[in-house]
């Protein structure tokens, strides 16, 4: 899957991902290809997102490209379930175009009940439409 990062504004970089503002109300997390997501990297990710969202004071949907994640630990899933702020995180749209990306996302969704609405999508366009809709919903 081609990720059009050249059209987006990068606002942060973590140990295993880049963070972009796609448009007002939608941000994207693009993990480093083949990365592992553990408790520390998950906390770093959420902290960077919240810092950005607090500066914009805009509730946003978050698109995460799961195909690039090779492994996600139980600790990471716990952070993603408990740490997001529903006042600022409108949703998490997990994009997985490959069987492996969908499997990683499905494990997260099957094992964890996130406090922020989270869904799996096969394409960026589907994820973007849902993220826009959720961000516009108070």
Protein backbone atom coordinates (compact mmCIF):
# COMPACT_ATOMS: atom_id res chain seq x y z
CA UNK A 1 0.00 0.00 0.00
CA UNK A 2 1.32 3.42 -0.95
CA UNK A 3 1.04 5.95 1.86
CA UNK A 4 0.88 9.53 0.49
CA UNK A 5 3.04 11.11 3.22
CA UNK A 6 4.38 13.70 0.77
CA UNK A 7 0.93 15.37 0.87
CA UNK A 8 0.79 15.46 4.68
CA UNK A 9 2.48 17.60 7.32
CA UNK A 10 4.78 15.62 9.61
CA UNK A 11 4.55 16.91 13.18
CA UNK A 12 6.49 14.31 15.16
CA UNK A 13 8.81 11.31 15.03
CA UNK A 14 9.00 8.57 17.67
CA UNK A 15 11.34 5.64 18.08
CA UNK A 16 9.24 3.55 15.68
CA UNK A 17 6.84 5.83 13.76
CA UNK A 18 6.24 9.14 12.02
CA UNK A 19 3.17 11.26 12.81
CA UNK A 20 1.35 13.38 10.25
CA UNK A 21 -1.54 15.79 10.12
CA UNK A 22 -3.50 14.55 7.11
CA UNK A 23 -6.01 17.39 7.36
CA UNK A 24 -7.71 19.26 10.20
CA UNK A 25 -9.32 16.56 12.34
CA UNK A 26 -7.31 13.61 11.02
CA UNK A 27 -3.81 12.47 11.92
CA UNK A 28 -1.86 9.46 10.68
CA UNK A 29 0.63 7.17 12.39
CA UNK A 30 3.07 5.56 9.96
CA UNK A 31 5.18 2.94 11.75
CA UNK A 32 8.70 2.15 10.60
CA UNK A 33 8.54 -0.87 8.29
CA UNK A 34 8.93 -4.09 10.29
CA UNK A 35 8.79 -2.35 13.66
CA UNK A 36 7.93 -3.82 17.02
CA UNK A 37 5.46 -1.93 19.18
CA UNK A 38 5.97 -2.40 22.92
CA UNK A 39 4.71 -0.60 26.01
CA UNK A 40 7.34 2.15 25.80
CA UNK A 41 6.80 2.88 22.10
CA UNK A 42 3.02 2.81 22.54
CA UNK A 43 3.22 5.31 25.42
CA UNK A 44 5.53 7.51 23.31
CA UNK A 45 3.03 7.35 20.44
CA UNK A 46 0.03 8.33 22.55
CA UNK A 47 2.00 11.10 24.28
CA UNK A 48 3.07 12.61 20.93
CA UNK A 49 -0.49 12.43 19.62
CA UNK A 50 -1.92 14.08 22.74
CA UNK A 51 0.71 16.83 22.72
CA UNK A 52 -0.21 17.65 19.12
CA UNK A 53 -3.96 17.45 19.71
CA UNK A 54 -3.69 19.72 22.76
CA UNK A 55 -1.86 22.36 20.70
CA UNK A 56 -4.48 22.26 17.94
CA UNK A 57 -7.37 21.88 20.44
CA UNK A 58 -9.06 19.77 17.80
CA UNK A 59 -10.59 16.35 18.37
CA UNK A 60 -9.19 14.08 15.68
CA UNK A 61 -9.47 10.66 14.17
CA UNK A 62 -6.22 8.69 14.01
CA UNK A 63 -5.32 6.45 11.08
CA UNK A 64 -2.71 3.77 11.86
CA UNK A 65 -1.01 1.77 9.09
CA UNK A 66 -0.85 -1.72 10.61
CA UNK A 67 0.87 -3.45 7.66
CA UNK A 68 4.17 -1.93 8.75
CA UNK A 69 4.05 -3.41 12.29
CA UNK A 70 5.79 -6.77 12.63
CA UNK A 71 4.94 -7.37 16.29
CA UNK A 72 2.83 -5.76 18.99
CA UNK A 73 3.18 -6.72 22.65
CA UNK A 74 0.51 -7.12 25.28
CA UNK A 75 1.88 -4.01 27.01
CA UNK A 76 1.39 -1.95 23.83
CA UNK A 77 -2.20 -3.14 23.52
CA UNK A 78 -2.83 -2.16 27.15
CA UNK A 79 -1.52 1.36 26.51
CA UNK A 80 -3.66 1.76 23.39
CA UNK A 81 -6.71 0.51 25.27
CA UNK A 82 -6.27 2.74 28.34
CA UNK A 83 -4.19 5.85 27.49
CA UNK A 84 -6.06 7.66 24.69
CA UNK A 85 -8.16 10.66 25.70
CA UNK A 86 -11.72 10.32 24.29
CA UNK A 87 -12.04 14.12 24.48
CA UNK A 88 -9.22 14.43 21.91
CA UNK A 89 -9.07 11.03 20.18
CA UNK A 90 -12.24 10.63 18.13
CA UNK A 91 -11.29 7.16 16.87
CA UNK A 92 -8.54 4.87 15.69
CA UNK A 93 -8.90 3.60 12.12
CA UNK A 94 -6.51 0.67 11.64
CA UNK A 95 -5.55 0.17 8.00
CA UNK A 96 -4.40 -3.31 7.02
CA UNK A 97 -4.20 -4.23 3.37
CA UNK A 98 -2.22 -7.43 3.88
CA UNK A 99 -3.25 -10.57 5.70
CA UNK A 100 -0.52 -9.97 8.27
CA UNK A 101 -1.54 -6.33 8.90
CA UNK A 102 -5.16 -7.38 9.33
CA UNK A 103 -4.09 -10.17 11.70
CA UNK A 104 -2.12 -7.77 13.93
CA UNK A 105 -5.10 -5.37 14.03
CA UNK A 106 -7.56 -8.21 14.64
CA UNK A 107 -5.52 -9.46 17.58
CA UNK A 108 -5.65 -5.99 19.12
CA UNK A 109 -9.39 -5.66 18.54
CA UNK A 110 -10.11 -9.21 19.68
CA UNK A 111 -8.09 -9.04 22.88
CA UNK A 112 -8.77 -5.46 23.89
CA UNK A 113 -11.86 -3.32 24.23
CA UNK A 114 -10.48 0.17 23.57
CA UNK A 115 -12.14 3.15 25.28
CA UNK A 116 -11.98 5.03 21.95
CA UNK A 117 -13.90 3.61 18.95
CA UNK A 118 -11.52 1.47 16.88
CA UNK A 119 -12.17 -0.29 13.58
CA UNK A 120 -10.23 -2.14 10.91
CA UNK A 121 -10.19 -1.02 7.26
CA UNK A 122 -8.69 -2.49 4.09
CA UNK A 123 -8.00 0.89 2.46
CA UNK A 124 -6.90 4.37 3.39
CA UNK A 125 -9.97 5.89 1.70
CA UNK A 126 -12.36 3.88 3.90
CA UNK A 127 -10.38 4.71 7.03
CA UNK A 128 -10.22 8.41 6.12
CA UNK A 129 -13.98 8.63 5.57
CA UNK A 130 -14.70 7.05 8.97
CA UNK A 131 -12.06 9.18 10.76
CA UNK A 132 -13.60 12.35 9.28
CA UNK A 133 -17.08 11.26 10.34
CA UNK A 134 -16.00 10.41 13.89
CA UNK A 135 -13.99 13.64 14.29
CA UNK A 136 -17.05 15.66 13.28
CA UNK A 137 -19.23 13.87 15.87
CA UNK A 138 -19.19 15.58 19.27
